[in-house]
C-alpha atoms as a PDB file:
ATOM      1  CA  MET A   1      61.061 260.318  57.459  1.00  0.00           C
ATOM      2  CA  PRO A   2      58.006 260.764  59.709  1.00  0.00           C
ATOM      3  CA  ILE A   3      57.774 262.319  63.095  1.00  0.00           C
ATOM      4  CA  TYR A   4      55.689 260.266  65.326  1.00  0.00           C
ATOM      5  CA  GLU A   5      54.127 260.878  68.872  1.00  0.00           C
ATOM      6  CA  TYR A   6      54.589 258.425  71.655  1.00  0.00           C
ATOM      7  CA  LYS A   7      53.627 257.888  75.192  1.00  0.00           C
ATOM      8  CA  CYS A   8      55.923 255.953  77.333  1.00  0.00           C
ATOM      9  CA  ASN A   9      54.232 253.057  79.242  1.00  0.00           C
ATOM     10  CA  THR A  10      56.938 253.288  81.928  1.00  0.00           C
ATOM     11  CA  CYS A  11      57.087 256.951  83.088  1.00  0.00           C
ATOM     12  CA  LYS A  12      54.010 258.195  81.115  1.00  0.00           C
ATOM     13  CA  LYS A  13      55.978 260.922  79.321  1.00  0.00           C
ATOM     14  CA  GLU A  14      54.589 262.016  75.880  1.00  0.00           C
ATOM     15  CA  PHE A  15      56.981 263.112  73.267  1.00  0.00           C
ATOM     16  CA  GLU A  16      57.707 263.420  69.542  1.00  0.00           C
ATOM     17  CA  THR A  17      60.606 261.823  67.677  1.00  0.00           C
ATOM     18  CA  LEU A  18      61.853 261.424  64.051  1.00  0.00           C
ATOM     19  CA  VAL A  19      61.826 257.744  63.140  1.00  0.00           C
ATOM     20  CA  LEU A  20      64.408 256.486  60.461  1.00  0.00           C
ATOM     21  CA  GLY A  21      63.573 253.249  58.774  1.00  0.00           C
ATOM     22  CA  SER A  22      62.878 250.360  61.197  1.00  0.00           C
ATOM     23  CA  ASP A  23      64.485 252.275  64.219  1.00  0.00           C
ATOM     24  CA  ILE A  24      62.785 251.704  67.570  1.00  0.00           C
ATOM     25  CA  PRO A  25      62.794 254.904  69.542  1.00  0.00           C
ATOM     26  CA  ALA A  26      63.507 255.227  73.318  1.00  0.00           C
ATOM     27  CA  CYS A  27      61.874 257.517  75.720  1.00  0.00           C
ATOM     28  CA  PRO A  28      63.954 260.604  76.387  1.00  0.00           C
ATOM     29  CA  GLY A  29      62.902 260.571  80.116  1.00  0.00           C
ATOM     30  CA  CYS A  30      63.711 257.073  81.105  1.00  0.00           C
ATOM     31  CA  ASP A  31      65.213 255.364  77.995  1.00  0.00           C
ATOM     32  CA  SER A  32      62.447 252.592  77.958  1.00  0.00           C
ATOM     33  CA  LYS A  33      61.398 251.183  74.592  1.00  0.00           C
ATOM     34  CA  ASP A  34      57.994 250.171  76.013  1.00  0.00           C
ATOM     35  CA  LEU A  35      56.030 252.828  74.063  1.00  0.00           C
ATOM     36  CA  SER A  36      52.511 253.449  72.610  1.00  0.00           C
ATOM     37  CA  ARG A  37      52.394 255.458  69.428  1.00  0.00           C
ATOM     38  CA  LEU A  38      49.758 258.150  69.687  1.00  0.00           C
ATOM     39  CA  LEU A  39      47.296 259.314  66.921  1.00  0.00           C
ATOM     40  CA  SER A  40      48.663 262.643  65.905  1.00  0.00           C
ATOM     41  CA  LYS A  41      46.588 265.768  65.086  1.00  0.00           C
ATOM     42  CA  CYS A  42      46.853 267.286  61.725  1.00  0.00           C
ATOM     43  CA  GLY A  43      45.278 270.216  60.164  1.00  0.00           C
ATOM     44  CA  PHE A  44      44.824 272.177  56.947  1.00  0.00           C
ATOM     45  CA  ILE A  45      43.790 275.445  55.672  1.00  0.00           C
ATOM     46  CA  SER A  46      41.993 275.669  52.302  1.00  0.00           C
ATOM     47  CA  LYS A  47      41.665 279.033  50.566  1.00  0.00           C
ATOM     48  CA  SER A  48      39.251 279.473  47.674  1.00  0.00           C
ATOM     49  CA  THR A  49      37.040 281.973  45.942  1.00  0.00           C
ATOM     50  CA  GLY A  50      33.235 281.522  46.416  1.00  0.00           C
ATOM     51  CA  SER A  51      30.657 281.695  43.595  1.00  0.00           C
ATOM     52  CA  GLY A  52      30.106 285.512  44.320  1.00  0.00           C
ATOM     53  CA  GLY A  53      33.873 286.292  44.185  1.00  0.00           C
ATOM     54  CA  GLU A  54      34.150 286.262  47.948  1.00  0.00           C
ATOM     55  CA  SER A  55      37.262 284.815  49.469  1.00  0.00           C
ATOM     56  CA  GLN A  56      36.613 281.648  51.596  1.00  0.00           C
ATOM     57  CA  VAL A  57      38.827 279.998  54.109  1.00  0.00           C
ATOM     58  CA  THR A  58      38.162 276.603  55.506  1.00  0.00           C
ATOM     59  CA  THR A  59      40.153 275.144  58.322  1.00  0.00           C
ATOM     60  CA  SER A  60      40.167 271.739  60.212  1.00  0.00           C
ATOM     61  CA  ALA A  61      41.350 273.198  63.455  1.00  0.00           C
ATOM     62  CA  ALA A  62      37.706 273.487  64.655  1.00  0.00           C
ATOM     63  CA  SER A  63      36.695 270.167  63.453  1.00  0.00           C
ATOM     64  CA  SER A  64      37.167 266.952  65.439  1.00  0.00           C
ATOM     65  CA  ALA A  65      36.802 263.340  65.454  1.00  0.00           C
ATOM     66  CA  CYS A  66      33.639 263.158  67.524  1.00  0.00           C
ATOM     67  CA  GLY A  67      30.708 265.419  68.116  1.00  0.00           C
ATOM     68  CA  SER A  68      31.581 266.086  71.778  1.00  0.00           C
ATOM     69  CA  CYS A  69      35.060 267.407  71.169  1.00  0.00           C
ATOM     70  CA  THR A  70      36.261 271.001  71.093  1.00  0.00           C
ATOM     71  CA  ALA A  71      39.078 272.292  69.044  1.00  0.00           C
ATOM     72  CA  GLY A  72      41.487 271.904  71.817  1.00  0.00           C
ATOM     73  CA  SER A  73      40.708 268.612  73.521  1.00  0.00           C
ATOM     74  CA  CYS A  74      37.991 265.941  74.135  1.00  0.00           C
ATOM     75  CA  SER A  75      37.644 264.466  77.564  1.00  0.00           C
ATOM     76  CA  SER A  76      35.121 261.686  76.246  1.00  0.00           C
ATOM     77  CA  CYS A  77      37.369 260.221  73.621  1.00  0.00           C
ATOM     78  CA  GLY A  78      40.817 261.129  74.675  1.00  0.00           C
ATOM     79  CA  VAL A  79      41.698 263.092  71.570  1.00  0.00           C
ATOM     80  CA  GLY A  80      43.617 266.162  72.652  1.00  0.00           C
END
């Protein structure tokens, strides 16, 4: 049962909701079903031991979908 992010095309409110099966969610602000599903961010942390025995941590939080993005947002591509 996935949680999706939506933006209401009527009142422009952004929200997350749990979607069960083929249910069509409604905006919690105006009850409209005219929604656009947003691309959700996801992240990971990978912990490993390097070749010299040192601990290494890799995270996706600072990576982005395009070269001009920062970890928090991107004004050129709309990710954020």
